[in-house]
Protein backbone atom coordinates (compact mmCIF):
# COMPACT_ATOMS: atom_id res chain seq x y z
CA UNK A 1 19.47 -39.71 -19.30
CA UNK A 2 21.99 -37.71 -17.16
CA UNK A 3 21.56 -34.67 -19.87
CA UNK A 4 17.85 -34.82 -19.47
CA UNK A 5 17.97 -34.63 -15.46
CA UNK A 6 20.47 -31.71 -15.60
CA UNK A 7 18.34 -29.57 -18.09
CA UNK A 8 15.36 -30.56 -15.77
CA UNK A 9 17.38 -29.27 -12.73
CA UNK A 10 18.35 -26.19 -14.72
CA UNK A 11 14.75 -25.30 -15.70
CA UNK A 12 13.79 -25.93 -11.97
CA UNK A 13 16.62 -23.61 -10.79
CA UNK A 14 15.71 -20.71 -13.13
CA UNK A 15 11.63 -21.25 -12.14
CA UNK A 16 12.80 -20.94 -8.49
CA UNK A 17 15.01 -17.93 -9.12
CA UNK A 18 12.28 -16.44 -11.12
CA UNK A 19 9.57 -16.86 -8.09
CA UNK A 20 12.05 -15.45 -5.93
CA UNK A 21 12.65 -12.30 -7.90
CA UNK A 22 8.81 -11.83 -8.17
CA UNK A 23 8.25 -12.15 -4.31
CA UNK A 24 11.01 -9.70 -3.68
CA UNK A 25 9.77 -7.23 -6.35
CA UNK A 26 6.17 -7.51 -4.68
CA UNK A 27 7.52 -6.65 -1.16
CA UNK A 28 9.16 -3.97 -2.78
CA UNK A 29 6.25 -2.43 -4.05
CA UNK A 30 4.25 -2.87 -0.83
CA UNK A 31 7.25 -1.30 1.08
CA UNK A 32 7.05 1.71 -1.20
CA UNK A 33 3.35 2.11 -0.53
CA UNK A 34 3.53 1.70 3.05
CA UNK A 35 6.40 3.84 3.53
CA UNK A 36 4.31 6.96 1.73
CA UNK A 37 1.42 6.06 4.30
CA UNK A 38 1.64 9.25 6.59
CA UNK A 39 2.83 8.20 9.97
CA UNK A 40 2.09 11.55 11.83
CA UNK A 41 0.01 14.50 11.62
CA UNK A 42 1.65 17.97 12.45
CA UNK A 43 0.31 20.22 14.98
CA UNK A 44 -1.99 23.20 13.98
CA UNK A 45 -0.33 26.36 13.27
CA UNK A 46 -0.97 29.46 15.42
CA UNK A 47 -3.16 32.14 14.23
CA UNK A 48 -1.57 34.77 12.42
CA UNK A 49 -1.04 37.95 14.39
CA UNK A 50 -3.84 40.42 14.65
CA UNK A 51 -6.19 37.75 13.41
CA UNK A 52 -9.85 37.63 14.43
CA UNK A 53 -9.48 34.17 15.56
CA UNK A 54 -9.00 33.79 18.98
CA UNK A 55 -6.78 31.50 21.00
CA UNK A 56 -8.97 29.14 22.99
CA UNK A 57 -7.68 28.49 26.58
CA UNK A 58 -4.61 30.22 25.95
CA UNK A 59 -2.84 27.19 23.84
CA UNK A 60 0.66 27.34 23.83
CA UNK A 61 1.13 25.89 20.41
CA UNK A 62 5.11 25.74 20.71
CA UNK A 63 4.53 22.75 22.84
CA UNK A 64 2.12 21.07 20.94
CA UNK A 65 3.23 17.77 19.48
CA UNK A 66 2.63 16.10 16.27
CA UNK A 67 -0.29 13.36 16.30
CA UNK A 68 1.35 9.98 15.71
CA UNK A 69 -0.07 6.92 14.09
CA UNK A 70 0.98 3.24 14.49
CA UNK A 71 -0.42 0.82 11.95
CA UNK A 72 0.17 -2.63 12.09
CA UNK A 73 0.17 -4.48 8.30
CA UNK A 74 -2.10 -7.56 7.95
CA UNK A 75 0.36 -10.70 7.48
CA UNK A 76 -2.16 -12.18 5.09
CA UNK A 77 -2.59 -10.97 1.33
CA UNK A 78 -6.10 -10.16 0.70
CA UNK A 79 -8.13 -11.26 -2.13
CA UNK A 80 -10.80 -8.21 -2.45
CA UNK A 81 -13.71 -9.07 -4.80
CA UNK A 82 -12.65 -7.87 -8.11
CA UNK A 83 -15.59 -9.16 -10.12
CA UNK A 84 -16.27 -5.76 -10.72
CA UNK A 85 -12.45 -4.74 -11.98
CA UNK A 86 -13.64 -4.15 -15.85
CA UNK A 87 -16.24 -1.73 -14.75
CA UNK A 88 -13.33 0.42 -13.00
CA UNK A 89 -13.20 4.01 -14.93
CA UNK A 90 -9.69 4.74 -16.34
CA UNK A 91 -9.59 7.95 -14.50
CA UNK A 92 -7.04 8.45 -12.11
CA UNK A 93 -5.43 10.91 -9.76
CA UNK A 94 -1.81 11.60 -10.22
CA UNK A 95 -0.05 10.80 -6.99
CA UNK A 96 0.86 13.81 -4.91
CA UNK A 97 -0.29 16.19 -7.95
CA UNK A 98 -0.30 20.08 -7.23
CA UNK A 99 -3.47 20.53 -8.97
CA UNK A 100 -6.68 20.09 -6.87
CA UNK A 101 -8.87 17.34 -8.53
CA UNK A 102 -6.66 16.64 -11.43
CA UNK A 103 -7.57 13.36 -13.18
CA UNK A 104 -5.43 11.51 -16.08
CA UNK A 105 -6.90 9.19 -18.34
CA UNK A 106 -4.98 6.20 -18.49
CA UNK A 107 -4.42 3.88 -21.67
CA UNK A 108 -5.05 0.45 -22.12
CA UNK A 109 -1.64 -0.81 -21.17
CA UNK A 110 -2.67 0.41 -17.31
CA UNK A 111 -5.90 -1.03 -17.29
CA UNK A 112 -5.11 -4.65 -18.46
CA UNK A 113 -2.45 -4.35 -15.78
CA UNK A 114 -5.41 -3.59 -13.27
CA UNK A 115 -7.38 -6.41 -14.84
CA UNK A 116 -4.57 -8.86 -13.69
CA UNK A 117 -5.50 -8.48 -10.21
CA UNK A 118 -8.52 -10.55 -10.68
CA UNK A 119 -6.38 -13.82 -11.54
CA UNK A 120 -4.47 -13.38 -8.12
CA UNK A 121 -6.61 -15.65 -5.91
CA UNK A 122 -4.07 -17.43 -4.15
CA UNK A 123 -4.35 -17.32 -0.23
CA UNK A 124 -0.47 -16.48 1.15
CA UNK A 125 1.13 -14.94 3.69
CA UNK A 126 3.53 -12.07 3.80
CA UNK A 127 7.17 -12.86 4.34
CA UNK A 128 7.19 -10.73 7.41
CA UNK A 129 10.89 -10.94 8.08
CA UNK A 130 11.92 -10.18 4.35
CA UNK A 131 9.16 -7.04 4.37
CA UNK A 132 10.99 -5.80 7.77
CA UNK A 133 14.37 -5.50 6.20
CA UNK A 134 13.21 -3.78 3.07
CA UNK A 135 11.16 -1.35 5.21
CA UNK A 136 14.15 -0.86 7.67
CA UNK A 137 11.63 -0.66 10.54
CA UNK A 138 10.22 -2.66 13.10
CA UNK A 139 6.66 -3.36 11.43
CA UNK A 140 3.86 -4.62 13.73
CA UNK A 141 1.82 -7.59 11.97
CA UNK A 142 -1.54 -8.47 12.57
CA UNK A 143 -3.61 -11.60 11.70
CA UNK A 144 -6.54 -9.94 10.36
CA UNK A 145 -7.97 -7.08 8.31
CA UNK A 146 -10.12 -5.53 11.40
CA UNK A 147 -9.20 -4.48 14.74
CA UNK A 148 -11.59 -3.57 17.84
CA UNK A 149 -11.18 -0.47 20.15
CA UNK A 150 -10.01 -2.38 22.86
CA UNK A 151 -7.36 -4.21 20.71
CA UNK A 152 -6.08 -0.68 19.57
CA UNK A 153 -5.84 0.31 23.10
CA UNK A 154 -4.00 -2.76 24.30
CA UNK A 155 -1.59 -2.88 21.26
CA UNK A 156 -1.20 1.03 21.10
CA UNK A 157 -2.10 0.72 17.27
CA UNK A 158 -4.18 3.58 15.03
CA UNK A 159 -5.26 0.79 12.51
CA UNK A 160 -4.71 -1.98 10.12
CA UNK A 161 -3.09 -1.79 6.57
CA UNK A 162 -3.67 -4.77 4.27
CA UNK A 163 -2.30 -5.49 0.85
CA UNK A 164 -3.58 -7.59 -2.26
CA UNK A 165 -1.52 -9.52 -4.42
CA UNK A 166 0.47 -7.37 -6.52
CA UNK A 167 0.20 -7.62 -10.65
CA UNK A 168 3.09 -6.48 -12.45
CA UNK A 169 3.53 -6.38 -16.55
CA UNK A 170 5.84 -8.50 -18.13
CA UNK A 171 8.79 -6.40 -18.01
CA UNK A 172 8.29 -5.99 -14.31
CA UNK A 173 8.44 -1.77 -14.69
CA UNK A 174 4.80 -1.28 -13.84
CA UNK A 175 2.85 -2.68 -10.81
CA UNK A 176 -0.60 -2.49 -9.40
CA UNK A 177 -1.79 -3.21 -5.92
CA UNK A 178 -4.76 -2.86 -3.84
CA UNK A 179 -4.60 -1.30 -0.41
CA UNK A 180 -7.03 -1.38 2.62
CA UNK A 181 -6.80 0.37 5.88
CA UNK A 182 -9.33 -0.25 8.73
CA UNK A 183 -9.89 2.00 11.56
CA UNK A 184 -12.47 0.86 14.23
CA UNK A 185 -15.03 3.58 15.07
CA UNK A 186 -13.10 5.96 12.59
CA UNK A 187 -13.87 4.18 9.34
CA UNK A 188 -11.65 3.05 6.82
CA UNK A 189 -11.12 2.50 2.81
CA UNK A 190 -9.95 0.82 -0.05
CA UNK A 191 -7.66 2.11 -2.70
CA UNK A 192 -6.05 1.32 -6.10
CA UNK A 193 -2.05 2.00 -6.26
CA UNK A 194 -0.42 2.01 -9.69
CA UNK A 195 3.61 2.38 -9.34
CA UNK A 196 6.28 2.69 -11.88
CA UNK A 197 9.97 1.37 -11.36
CA UNK A 198 12.40 4.53 -11.86
CA UNK A 199 16.01 4.45 -11.09
CA UNK A 200 15.35 0.89 -9.69
CA UNK A 201 12.66 1.93 -7.36
CA UNK A 202 9.00 1.79 -7.23
CA UNK A 203 7.49 5.01 -7.06
CA UNK A 204 3.66 5.37 -6.93
CA UNK A 205 2.21 7.38 -9.64
CA UNK A 206 -1.50 6.79 -9.93
CA UNK A 207 -4.23 6.03 -7.29
CA UNK A 208 -7.87 5.55 -7.04
CA UNK A 209 -10.32 5.26 -4.04
CA UNK A 210 -12.38 2.40 -4.70
CA UNK A 211 -14.33 2.47 -1.27
CA UNK A 212 -14.45 4.96 1.37
CA UNK A 213 -16.63 4.49 4.53
């Protein structure tokens, strides 16, 4: 009887460790995507010498500052309607490709990973403290997907970024996540990100825009 109890406790400990490891990997994927979201837009460069473009209002380009964006992360994982997931094309855009409009046809192993997203329907909250540690930044969290113009002004926010649960392959070397962004009055969108683990770091490899408004 004692041996059975010890075995059960061992199995339970392994299960808890496995779940914790998957949660840490999930947060690491979210952090990798969040870090790649542009946080500022550089000012426009001055027109070249002898350009026909005239400088309006005597703009002093040397004093222009970057346009900063302050995003909040939705503290809830979002389940997007993935009923159509099987119909998604296997044509993805390589992340930060130097070629304009370059597309890559992904094999079935990637698309099976995408299909796993439809199974992740649990309603859960993001571990805010742990994600803050991984990002090494004071993240602002929001309790919903949307934000009004008034709320943006009151909280000095540019928009809300929401994440789905993350689907992994069995080896935890590939991951896929859906990311939504919402900017009241400006619009928003939903994108699909495929990442791979390289040198123990999650790196975005391919993206696809699902919704743009």
